[in-house]
Amino acid sequence: MVIDHSTINPCSALCVSEALMKHSTEELVKKLRGPKVPFLLVDAETKLLDRGKYPFPEGKAPVQCIVMDPQLEKLEAYTSGNRSIILPHGESWFKAKAVGIPSGVSRPILNKGCMYSYFLSNDRIGSGTLIWGFSQIEEAENELRWMQKICDFAPSPKPVGMGIFRNLSVKEFKDRPELFEYLKHIDANRLLEEFASGSRLMEAASVYSLQSTDIRVDEILYGFISPELSNELDKEDCKDYLKWLGSSCGKNLRLLHDNGILHGSLLRYGGVMTNSHVGNHLVSEDSTWITDFHMCQPVSDKRFRQIELECLTYIMNPLVSAERIGKGRFEQRAVPMAYALSEPLTPNHVSKYVEDFRPSSIGEDLSVAFIDGIEHGYFRHKVTYVEASLRSEVLEKVAELKRRLWRVLSLPEGMQRGHAVVHELMARKGLLADFKENNG
């Protein structure tokens, strides 16, 4: 069939292109996240910057929780991290962040119109204190303020508003291990009794935004450690793509720093708790976005800019020897804290976390290409060139490789964190040896 391009309406062609891209993104999200997860709408206070961008009735907010009333209608969306959901909205994706937990015993509970969750007072995540599954009001307001400012000069999500839960009952624990140990030995009815006798009321919040994609950079990097990589992609094409990907992430971080903003890094526990990692960068066929601004702050100490650049090279990065290579590029500063899964894997998945695990040296050239790209984008303010067709091909194939790897390792489809666990499971199954043999 011959197409006469002179008869095509440019606006119509653009709409078709956007629709195809959205469809393509959704297919990739399905591969990376698996089936949709349930949520429901509950009464809440909604503060919206743009009512037209909010897909639900005003005064109703999405929540993922254990529902004691089976009559309540459940909706579905894709998971995004462990406490957020996304769903297509117009030509974009609507994200509701900090709306509860999709599965497991630690989910918030909704019973007779009352919501119950947990408060952690000294956990090694974020600022150290958190409402389990939700944001604190100040944290959510801070994220929206920074989101409004950053979207003016950097590729990033557009703010929509926030939902506020004024009367959330919480039980307090020190950290996640203490919480999970408690939940092991209690059933739902007894738990509700203990909430009634020993909880306190807090205000909690969720944050709403629009973004062009929700595919996280750390997710697709797993495809580059698959033993099947050489069967699907040329190694030089992989290196070109990874340098492009890294340069785009590096440039986005530099845009924040040039505007006097840190992505968010705090000195804690003899190290750094940081938001500057590849899990907080999104990627599509065309470009990347920087996201997650609840820890943002003005640059008060210039050394933190280098710390955030260093952390971006290897935190959450599953590529071979990324940590050793990344650290080798910089003077030794405070060591970033290791991030853990939000919920532990069951014993049949893995018996322990191996924090000092290091994969073999094979495949390090891919890590070098990605980290070279980050430095190129950060220091030169430029993104390296890769043909659009190659970006599309690589993104689609590494997403599929990651999906297959998760199946072999018997990991939950929506799990987006924990590369130390993935490396350990690969080693136990001999997959790292396969990677060495196939990609040497």
Protein backbone atom coordinates (compact mmCIF):
# COMPACT_ATOMS: atom_id res chain seq x y z
CA MET A 1 0.00 0.00 0.00
CA VAL A 2 1.35 3.43 -0.99
CA ILE A 3 0.54 6.33 1.34
CA ASP A 4 0.22 9.85 -0.05
CA HIS A 5 1.76 11.84 2.80
CA SER A 6 0.52 15.11 1.32
CA THR A 7 -3.03 14.16 2.29
CA ILE A 8 -2.25 13.45 5.94
CA ASN A 9 -3.35 16.06 8.44
CA PRO A 10 -0.26 16.80 10.60
CA CYS A 11 -2.43 17.16 13.71
CA SER A 12 -4.07 13.79 13.04
CA ALA A 13 -0.69 12.19 12.45
CA LEU A 14 0.55 13.60 15.75
CA CYS A 15 -2.49 12.20 17.59
CA VAL A 16 -1.92 8.78 16.01
CA SER A 17 1.75 8.89 17.00
CA GLU A 18 0.90 9.81 20.59
CA ALA A 19 -1.73 7.07 20.78
CA LEU A 20 0.73 4.47 19.48
CA MET A 21 3.39 5.61 21.95
CA LYS A 22 0.90 5.40 24.82
CA HIS A 23 -0.12 1.90 23.72
CA SER A 24 3.54 0.89 23.47
CA THR A 25 4.25 2.25 26.95
CA GLU A 26 1.30 0.34 28.42
CA GLU A 27 2.51 -2.90 26.86
CA LEU A 28 5.94 -2.35 28.43
CA VAL A 29 4.36 -1.54 31.79
CA LYS A 30 2.43 -4.84 31.62
CA LYS A 31 5.68 -6.73 31.00
CA LEU A 32 7.49 -5.01 33.85
CA ARG A 33 4.71 -4.86 36.45
CA GLY A 34 2.46 -7.79 35.65
CA PRO A 35 -1.33 -7.68 36.12
CA LYS A 36 -3.17 -4.70 37.54
CA VAL A 37 -3.70 -4.40 41.28
CA PRO A 38 -6.97 -3.53 43.05
CA PHE A 39 -7.73 -0.25 44.76
CA LEU A 40 -10.86 1.53 45.89
CA LEU A 41 -12.08 5.08 46.33
CA VAL A 42 -12.67 6.39 49.85
CA ASP A 43 -13.86 9.68 51.29
CA ALA A 44 -11.00 12.14 51.67
CA GLU A 45 -10.16 15.81 51.35
CA THR A 46 -8.79 16.52 47.87
CA LYS A 47 -6.72 19.63 47.19
CA LEU A 48 -6.39 19.86 43.43
CA LEU A 49 -4.28 22.26 41.38
CA ASP A 50 -6.15 21.27 38.20
CA ARG A 51 -9.51 19.54 38.64
CA GLY A 52 -9.55 18.47 34.97
CA LYS A 53 -6.45 16.32 35.45
CA TYR A 54 -7.90 14.33 38.37
CA PRO A 55 -9.67 11.19 37.09
CA PHE A 56 -11.87 10.60 40.15
CA PRO A 57 -14.75 12.51 41.79
CA GLU A 58 -13.65 15.38 43.99
CA GLY A 59 -13.67 14.30 47.63
CA LYS A 60 -12.78 10.71 46.70
CA ALA A 61 -9.22 9.34 46.89
CA PRO A 62 -7.66 6.04 45.76
CA VAL A 63 -6.37 3.65 48.45
CA GLN A 64 -4.78 0.17 48.41
CA CYS A 65 -5.74 -1.70 51.57
CA ILE A 66 -7.36 -4.71 53.24
CA VAL A 67 -11.10 -4.16 52.93
CA MET A 68 -13.24 -5.66 55.68
CA ASP A 69 -16.45 -4.81 53.80
CA PRO A 70 -16.59 -7.09 50.71
CA GLN A 71 -19.42 -5.04 49.18
CA LEU A 72 -17.20 -2.07 48.35
CA GLU A 73 -16.46 -1.71 44.64
CA LYS A 74 -12.85 -2.31 43.64
CA LEU A 75 -11.08 -0.68 40.70
CA GLU A 76 -7.77 -1.65 39.08
CA ALA A 77 -4.53 0.08 38.11
CA TYR A 78 -0.89 -0.80 37.51
CA THR A 79 1.46 -0.77 40.45
CA SER A 80 4.23 1.83 40.67
CA GLY A 81 6.69 1.07 43.41
CA ASN A 82 5.18 -0.51 46.52
CA ARG A 83 2.77 2.23 47.57
CA SER A 84 1.68 3.94 44.36
CA ILE A 85 -0.52 3.25 41.34
CA ILE A 86 -0.68 4.52 37.75
CA LEU A 87 -3.40 4.49 35.13
CA PRO A 88 -3.72 5.94 31.62
CA HIS A 89 -5.32 9.39 31.61
CA GLY A 90 -5.66 11.22 28.30
CA GLU A 91 -2.28 11.12 26.57
CA SER A 92 -0.44 10.80 29.88
CA TRP A 93 -0.30 8.59 32.94
CA PHE A 94 -1.95 9.59 36.20
CA LYS A 95 0.10 8.62 39.23
CA ALA A 96 -1.26 8.42 42.76
CA LYS A 97 1.69 8.16 45.14
CA ALA A 98 1.50 7.00 48.76
CA VAL A 99 -1.94 5.38 48.54
CA GLY A 100 -1.34 2.31 50.71
CA ILE A 101 0.22 -1.10 50.01
CA PRO A 102 -1.01 -3.47 47.26
CA SER A 103 -0.41 -6.82 48.95
CA GLY A 104 0.87 -8.55 52.06
CA VAL A 105 0.08 -8.45 55.75
CA SER A 106 1.23 -4.85 56.20
CA ARG A 107 -1.52 -3.34 54.05
CA PRO A 108 -3.59 -0.59 55.70
CA ILE A 109 -7.03 -1.75 56.82
CA LEU A 110 -10.39 -0.17 55.99
CA ASN A 111 -13.14 -1.18 58.42
CA LYS A 112 -16.55 0.51 58.76
CA GLY A 113 -15.24 3.71 57.15
CA CYS A 114 -12.15 3.92 59.40
CA MET A 115 -8.60 3.57 58.04
CA TYR A 116 -5.77 1.94 60.00
CA SER A 117 -2.02 1.80 59.32
CA TYR A 118 1.36 2.03 61.05
CA PHE A 119 3.85 4.73 62.00
CA LEU A 120 7.58 3.96 61.90
CA SER A 121 9.64 6.24 64.13
CA ASN A 122 13.22 5.31 63.23
CA ASP A 123 13.48 3.35 59.99
CA ARG A 124 16.34 3.46 57.50
CA ILE A 125 14.33 4.85 54.62
CA GLY A 126 13.61 8.43 53.53
CA SER A 127 13.90 10.86 56.42
CA GLY A 128 13.64 8.03 58.97
CA THR A 129 10.02 8.55 60.07
CA LEU A 130 7.05 7.54 57.94
CA ILE A 131 3.41 6.60 57.88
CA TRP A 132 3.35 3.13 56.33
CA GLY A 133 1.88 3.32 52.83
CA PHE A 134 1.21 7.06 52.97
CA SER A 135 3.00 10.41 53.15
CA GLN A 136 3.01 12.86 56.00
CA ILE A 137 1.23 16.14 55.20
CA GLU A 138 4.40 18.24 55.26
CA GLU A 139 6.22 15.72 53.08
CA ALA A 140 3.42 15.72 50.46
CA GLU A 141 3.17 19.52 50.43
CA ASN A 142 6.95 19.75 50.01
CA GLU A 143 6.87 17.35 47.07
CA LEU A 144 4.11 19.32 45.32
CA ARG A 145 5.96 22.62 45.80
CA TRP A 146 9.16 21.25 44.31
CA MET A 147 7.26 19.49 41.53
CA GLN A 148 5.66 22.80 40.50
CA LYS A 149 9.05 24.49 40.39
CA ILE A 150 11.07 21.71 38.74
CA CYS A 151 8.65 21.02 35.88
CA ASP A 152 9.37 24.53 34.60
CA PHE A 153 12.98 23.69 33.71
CA ALA A 154 13.48 19.88 33.77
CA PRO A 155 11.65 16.91 32.22
CA SER A 156 9.54 15.80 35.19
CA PRO A 157 5.97 14.98 36.31
CA LYS A 158 3.31 17.69 36.36
CA PRO A 159 1.58 18.26 39.71
CA VAL A 160 -2.16 17.56 40.00
CA GLY A 161 -2.77 17.83 43.75
CA MET A 162 -3.01 15.80 46.94
CA GLY A 163 -5.46 13.77 48.96
CA ILE A 164 -5.63 14.18 52.74
CA PHE A 165 -6.83 11.62 55.28
CA ARG A 166 -7.59 13.56 58.46
CA ASN A 167 -8.26 10.65 60.85
CA LEU A 168 -5.88 7.77 60.15
CA SER A 169 -5.43 5.47 63.17
CA VAL A 170 -1.84 4.23 63.53
CA LYS A 171 0.09 1.88 65.76
CA GLU A 172 3.72 2.89 66.28
CA PHE A 173 6.78 0.73 65.68
CA LYS A 174 10.49 1.51 65.51
CA ASP A 175 11.13 0.12 62.02
CA ARG A 176 10.05 -2.43 59.42
CA PRO A 177 11.61 -5.51 61.08
CA GLU A 178 9.71 -4.74 64.29
CA LEU A 179 6.48 -4.17 62.34
CA PHE A 180 6.74 -7.42 60.35
CA GLU A 181 7.65 -9.43 63.44
CA TYR A 182 4.51 -8.10 65.15
CA LEU A 183 2.29 -8.88 62.15
CA LYS A 184 3.54 -12.47 61.97
CA HIS A 185 1.76 -13.39 65.18
CA ILE A 186 -1.62 -11.67 64.94
CA ASP A 187 -4.81 -12.20 62.94
CA ALA A 188 -7.05 -9.46 61.48
CA ASN A 189 -9.69 -9.52 64.22
CA ARG A 190 -7.13 -9.31 67.03
CA LEU A 191 -5.31 -6.57 65.14
CA LEU A 192 -8.49 -4.46 64.96
CA GLU A 193 -8.99 -4.94 68.70
CA GLU A 194 -5.47 -3.69 69.37
CA PHE A 195 -5.99 -0.70 67.09
CA ALA A 196 -9.10 0.15 69.11
CA SER A 197 -7.21 0.04 72.39
CA GLY A 198 -3.73 1.22 71.50
CA SER A 199 -3.56 3.54 68.49
CA ARG A 200 -3.47 7.27 67.85
CA LEU A 201 -4.88 9.52 65.14
CA MET A 202 -2.64 11.10 62.52
CA GLU A 203 -3.14 13.04 59.32
CA ALA A 204 -1.78 11.39 56.18
CA ALA A 205 -1.60 12.33 52.52
CA SER A 206 -1.19 11.09 48.95
CA VAL A 207 0.37 12.99 46.03
CA TYR A 208 -1.09 13.10 42.49
CA SER A 209 0.71 13.90 39.25
CA LEU A 210 0.73 13.38 35.47
CA GLN A 211 3.71 11.96 33.61
CA SER A 212 4.52 10.67 30.14
CA THR A 213 5.78 7.28 31.30
CA ASP A 214 6.30 5.28 34.48
CA ILE A 215 9.04 2.92 33.30
CA ARG A 216 11.88 3.31 35.79
CA VAL A 217 15.49 3.18 34.68
CA ASP A 218 16.45 0.63 37.33
CA GLU A 219 13.74 -1.74 36.02
CA ILE A 220 15.09 -1.95 32.50
CA LEU A 221 18.73 -2.21 33.61
CA TYR A 222 17.93 -5.74 34.81
CA GLY A 223 17.49 -6.74 31.17
CA PHE A 224 21.18 -5.99 30.63
CA ILE A 225 22.25 -8.69 33.14
CA SER A 226 20.09 -11.39 31.55
CA PRO A 227 22.01 -14.44 30.28
CA GLU A 228 19.90 -14.12 27.11
CA LEU A 229 21.09 -10.60 26.31
CA SER A 230 23.51 -11.59 23.53
CA ASN A 231 20.75 -13.59 21.82
CA GLU A 232 18.57 -10.50 21.50
CA LEU A 233 20.83 -7.47 21.12
CA ASP A 234 24.23 -6.51 19.71
CA LYS A 235 26.62 -5.57 22.49
CA GLU A 236 27.76 -2.34 20.83
CA ASP A 237 24.12 -1.30 20.43
CA CYS A 238 23.64 -1.97 24.14
CA LYS A 239 26.63 0.20 25.01
CA ASP A 240 25.39 3.04 22.79
CA TYR A 241 21.95 2.84 24.37
CA LEU A 242 23.30 2.74 27.91
CA LYS A 243 25.50 5.76 27.27
CA TRP A 244 22.48 7.64 25.91
CA LEU A 245 20.38 6.57 28.90
CA GLY A 246 23.06 7.56 31.39
CA SER A 247 23.73 10.91 29.71
CA SER A 248 20.04 11.80 29.81
CA CYS A 249 19.81 10.96 33.53
CA GLY A 250 23.03 12.85 34.27
CA LYS A 251 21.84 15.94 32.41
CA ASN A 252 18.54 15.93 34.31
CA LEU A 253 20.34 15.80 37.66
CA ARG A 254 22.59 18.67 36.55
CA LEU A 255 19.48 20.74 35.72
CA LEU A 256 18.38 20.40 39.35
CA HIS A 257 21.81 21.32 40.70
CA ASP A 258 22.19 24.29 38.34
CA ASN A 259 18.92 25.62 39.73
CA GLY A 260 20.17 25.29 43.31
CA ILE A 261 18.19 22.13 44.16
CA LEU A 262 19.33 18.81 45.59
CA HIS A 263 17.32 15.74 44.60
CA GLY A 264 17.38 14.93 48.32
CA SER A 265 20.25 13.58 50.43
CA LEU A 266 20.63 13.41 54.21
CA LEU A 267 23.48 12.29 56.47
CA ARG A 268 22.12 9.34 58.46
CA TYR A 269 23.55 6.34 60.34
CA GLY A 270 27.12 7.06 59.27
CA GLY A 271 26.14 7.27 55.60
CA VAL A 272 23.83 9.07 53.20
CA MET A 273 20.12 8.49 52.69
CA THR A 274 19.58 9.68 49.14
CA ASN A 275 16.88 10.13 46.53
CA SER A 276 19.50 10.40 43.78
CA HIS A 277 19.41 6.95 42.20
CA VAL A 278 18.31 5.31 38.96
CA GLY A 279 14.99 4.24 40.51
CA ASN A 280 13.95 7.90 40.48
CA HIS A 281 14.48 8.42 36.75
CA LEU A 282 11.85 7.42 34.19
CA VAL A 283 12.47 6.39 30.59
CA SER A 284 10.43 6.17 27.39
CA GLU A 285 11.41 5.56 23.78
CA ASP A 286 12.33 9.24 23.42
CA SER A 287 13.78 10.59 26.64
CA THR A 288 14.04 10.39 30.42
CA TRP A 289 12.41 12.27 33.29
CA ILE A 290 13.56 12.92 36.84
CA THR A 291 11.00 12.24 39.56
CA ASP A 292 10.29 11.84 43.29
CA PHE A 293 10.86 15.19 44.99
CA HIS A 294 9.67 14.69 48.58
CA MET A 295 13.24 15.00 49.90
CA CYS A 296 14.29 17.94 47.68
CA GLN A 297 16.01 20.87 49.34
CA PRO A 298 18.12 23.89 48.39
CA VAL A 299 21.83 23.25 47.89
CA SER A 300 23.42 24.35 51.17
CA ASP A 301 26.63 22.33 50.88
CA LYS A 302 28.18 21.98 47.41
CA ARG A 303 29.74 18.64 48.36
CA PHE A 304 26.27 17.10 48.22
CA ARG A 305 26.14 17.74 44.48
CA GLN A 306 29.07 15.37 43.99
CA ILE A 307 27.55 12.88 46.42
CA GLU A 308 24.30 12.88 44.42
CA LEU A 309 26.18 12.42 41.15
CA GLU A 310 28.13 9.51 42.63
CA CYS A 311 24.99 7.90 44.04
CA LEU A 312 23.27 8.15 40.66
CA THR A 313 25.98 5.94 39.14
CA TYR A 314 25.30 2.87 41.29
CA ILE A 315 22.50 3.13 43.89
CA MET A 316 19.68 0.78 42.73
CA ASN A 317 21.83 -0.07 39.70
CA PRO A 318 21.97 -3.84 39.02
CA LEU A 319 24.60 -3.64 36.26
CA VAL A 320 27.74 -5.72 36.81
CA SER A 321 30.16 -4.13 39.32
CA ALA A 322 28.34 -0.78 39.05
CA GLU A 323 29.08 0.09 42.69
CA ARG A 324 32.81 -0.55 42.43
CA ILE A 325 33.10 1.34 39.12
CA GLY A 326 30.93 4.23 40.29
CA LYS A 327 32.79 4.69 43.56
CA GLY A 328 36.09 4.51 41.71
CA ARG A 329 35.22 7.67 39.76
CA PHE A 330 34.93 9.85 42.87
CA GLU A 331 36.75 10.74 46.04
CA GLN A 332 35.42 8.66 48.92
CA ARG A 333 32.62 10.48 50.72
CA ALA A 334 30.03 9.23 53.16
CA VAL A 335 28.90 5.76 52.08
CA PRO A 336 25.25 5.67 50.94
CA MET A 337 22.94 3.40 52.88
CA ALA A 338 21.75 0.20 51.20
CA TYR A 339 18.06 0.23 50.24
CA ALA A 340 15.98 -2.78 51.19
CA LEU A 341 12.76 -4.20 49.80
CA SER A 342 9.61 -2.71 51.29
CA GLU A 343 8.48 -6.22 52.21
CA PRO A 344 10.84 -9.18 52.71
CA LEU A 345 10.85 -12.08 50.29
CA THR A 346 9.46 -15.37 51.53
CA PRO A 347 12.03 -17.95 52.73
CA ASN A 348 11.71 -20.09 49.60
CA HIS A 349 12.86 -17.10 47.53
CA VAL A 350 15.99 -16.22 49.48
CA SER A 351 17.28 -17.06 52.94
CA LYS A 352 19.32 -13.92 53.54
CA TYR A 353 20.37 -10.60 52.06
CA VAL A 354 23.98 -10.52 50.88
CA GLU A 355 24.93 -6.86 51.14
CA ASP A 356 28.55 -7.38 50.02
CA PHE A 357 27.70 -9.61 47.04
CA ARG A 358 29.63 -8.77 43.86
CA PRO A 359 28.89 -10.36 40.49
CA SER A 360 31.63 -11.46 38.10
CA SER A 361 33.64 -8.94 36.10
CA ILE A 362 32.09 -10.01 32.79
CA GLY A 363 29.74 -7.34 31.50
CA GLU A 364 31.54 -4.47 33.19
CA ASP A 365 31.85 -2.70 29.83
CA LEU A 366 28.08 -2.17 29.92
CA SER A 367 28.36 -0.61 33.38
CA VAL A 368 31.21 1.60 32.19
CA ALA A 369 29.12 2.78 29.22
CA PHE A 370 26.21 3.75 31.49
CA ILE A 371 28.40 5.54 34.04
CA ASP A 372 30.38 7.27 31.26
CA GLY A 373 27.03 8.49 29.98
CA ILE A 374 26.00 9.88 33.37
CA GLU A 375 29.24 11.85 33.62
CA HIS A 376 28.91 13.06 30.02
CA GLY A 377 25.38 14.34 30.58
CA TYR A 378 26.20 15.92 33.92
CA PHE A 379 29.45 17.66 33.04
CA ARG A 380 28.77 18.51 29.38
CA HIS A 381 25.04 19.25 29.67
CA LYS A 382 24.51 17.05 26.61
CA VAL A 383 22.74 13.81 25.74
CA THR A 384 24.53 11.43 23.40
CA TYR A 385 22.80 10.56 20.13
CA VAL A 386 21.14 7.21 19.48
CA GLU A 387 18.74 6.57 16.61
CA ALA A 388 15.07 6.49 17.61
CA SER A 389 14.60 3.03 16.12
CA LEU A 390 17.42 1.63 18.27
CA ARG A 391 16.06 3.27 21.43
CA SER A 392 12.68 1.69 20.74
CA GLU A 393 14.12 -1.75 19.97
CA VAL A 394 16.41 -1.88 23.00
CA LEU A 395 13.75 -0.66 25.42
CA GLU A 396 11.26 -3.26 24.25
CA LYS A 397 13.74 -6.13 24.30
CA VAL A 398 15.32 -5.43 27.70
CA ALA A 399 11.85 -5.10 29.23
CA GLU A 400 11.06 -8.58 27.89
CA LEU A 401 14.42 -9.91 29.14
CA LYS A 402 13.71 -8.54 32.61
CA ARG A 403 10.27 -10.19 32.58
CA ARG A 404 11.79 -13.56 31.66
CA LEU A 405 14.51 -13.21 34.30
CA TRP A 406 11.90 -12.55 36.99
CA ARG A 407 10.05 -15.72 35.95
CA VAL A 408 13.19 -17.84 36.17
CA LEU A 409 13.94 -16.41 39.63
CA SER A 410 10.30 -16.85 40.79
CA LEU A 411 10.15 -13.21 41.85
CA PRO A 412 6.92 -11.19 42.19
CA GLU A 413 6.21 -9.50 38.86
CA GLY A 414 5.77 -6.03 40.33
CA MET A 415 8.96 -6.07 42.43
CA GLN A 416 11.05 -3.05 41.44
CA ARG A 417 13.75 -3.03 44.10
CA GLY A 418 16.41 -5.24 45.66
CA HIS A 419 19.24 -5.84 43.21
CA ALA A 420 21.39 -7.54 45.90
CA VAL A 421 18.65 -10.15 46.21
CA VAL A 422 18.44 -10.57 42.42
CA HIS A 423 22.22 -11.03 42.13
CA GLU A 424 22.20 -13.63 44.92
CA LEU A 425 19.36 -15.61 43.35
CA MET A 426 21.09 -15.50 39.96
CA ALA A 427 24.30 -16.82 41.53
CA ARG A 428 22.46 -19.67 43.23
CA LYS A 429 20.87 -20.73 39.95
CA GLY A 430 24.14 -20.44 38.01
CA LEU A 431 22.77 -17.59 35.89
CA LEU A 432 25.76 -15.34 36.50
CA ALA A 433 27.97 -18.06 35.03
CA ASP A 434 25.61 -18.20 32.06
CA PHE A 435 25.82 -14.41 31.69
CA LYS A 436 29.65 -14.68 31.69
CA GLU A 437 29.63 -17.43 29.07
CA ASN A 438 27.12 -15.76 26.74
CA ASN A 439 28.30 -12.16 27.04
CA GLY A 440 32.04 -12.43 27.46
